[in-house]
Protein backbone atom coordinates (compact mmCIF):
# COMPACT_ATOMS: atom_id res chain seq x y z
CA MET A 1 25.49 10.82 6.80
CA SER A 2 22.60 11.49 9.21
CA GLN A 3 20.20 8.74 10.35
CA VAL A 4 16.76 8.77 8.81
CA ASN A 5 13.72 8.29 11.13
CA TYR A 6 11.45 6.10 9.07
CA SER A 7 8.89 5.73 11.92
CA ALA A 8 8.26 9.49 11.91
CA MET A 9 7.23 9.19 8.26
CA SER A 10 3.76 8.59 7.17
CA ASP A 11 3.11 5.67 4.88
CA ALA A 12 2.95 7.89 1.84
CA GLU A 13 6.18 9.75 2.92
CA LEU A 14 8.09 6.59 3.55
CA LYS A 15 7.00 5.22 0.16
CA GLN A 16 8.18 8.46 -1.60
CA TYR A 17 11.46 8.42 0.27
CA PHE A 18 12.07 4.83 -0.78
CA LEU A 19 11.28 5.60 -4.33
CA ARG A 20 13.61 8.48 -4.34
CA ASN A 21 16.35 6.55 -2.37
CA ARG A 22 16.16 3.05 -3.91
CA GLN A 23 19.74 2.27 -2.59
CA ASP A 24 18.57 2.64 0.90
CA LYS A 25 17.93 -0.96 1.98
CA ALA A 26 16.80 0.05 5.45
CA ALA A 27 14.10 2.20 3.96
CA PHE A 28 12.96 -0.66 1.74
CA GLN A 29 12.78 -2.93 4.78
CA ALA A 30 10.98 -0.32 6.90
CA TYR A 31 8.37 -0.04 4.00
CA LEU A 32 7.99 -3.69 3.68
CA ASP A 33 7.54 -4.02 7.59
CA ARG A 34 4.97 -1.40 7.54
CA LEU A 35 2.96 -2.91 4.60
CA ASN A 36 3.05 -6.32 6.37
CA GLN A 37 1.56 -4.78 9.61
CA GLN A 38 -1.57 -3.60 7.84
CA PRO A 39 -4.46 -5.93 7.74
CA HIS A 40 -5.40 -7.54 4.43
CA LYS A 41 -8.95 -7.51 3.56
CA ILE A 42 -10.13 -10.69 1.80
CA ILE A 43 -12.65 -9.73 -0.98
CA ALA A 44 -13.61 -13.16 -2.28
CA SER A 45 -12.40 -16.64 -2.17
CA PRO A 46 -11.76 -18.57 -5.50
CA ASP A 47 -14.77 -20.89 -5.11
CA ASP A 48 -17.21 -17.94 -4.44
CA PRO A 49 -20.01 -18.00 -7.04
CA ASP A 50 -19.96 -14.12 -7.07
CA PHE A 51 -16.09 -14.03 -7.40
CA ASP A 52 -16.01 -11.89 -10.53
CA GLU A 53 -18.69 -9.46 -9.37
CA LYS A 54 -16.79 -9.01 -6.11
CA ILE A 55 -13.49 -8.44 -7.66
CA GLN A 56 -14.96 -5.86 -10.18
CA ALA A 57 -16.75 -4.06 -7.41
CA ALA A 58 -13.53 -3.78 -5.37
CA ILE A 59 -11.54 -2.56 -8.39
CA ARG A 60 -14.19 0.07 -9.06
CA GLN A 61 -14.03 1.14 -5.38
CA GLN A 62 -10.22 1.52 -5.55
CA LEU A 63 -10.34 3.55 -8.72
CA GLU A 64 -13.00 5.85 -7.17
CA ALA A 65 -10.97 6.23 -3.99
CA ALA A 66 -7.84 7.05 -6.18
CA LYS A 67 -9.87 9.67 -8.12
CA ILE A 68 -11.21 11.25 -4.97
CA SER A 69 -7.70 11.51 -3.43
CA SER A 70 -6.17 12.97 -6.54
CA ASP A 71 -8.80 15.73 -6.71
């Protein structure tokens, strides 16, 4: 069996590879490692008075981005 070069794959390619090869534990670990390296954007803290508004805006933004990328 040939060795797979996960680092040569884009994030999307690695995700698709793992989804097609769920038994490949090294691919899963590489995917998790890559996810953990990405910065996490904090939208709002629980005690923020505009919490609901900020969360809804973030969801709308994600939906728009997904719609644009699927076109």
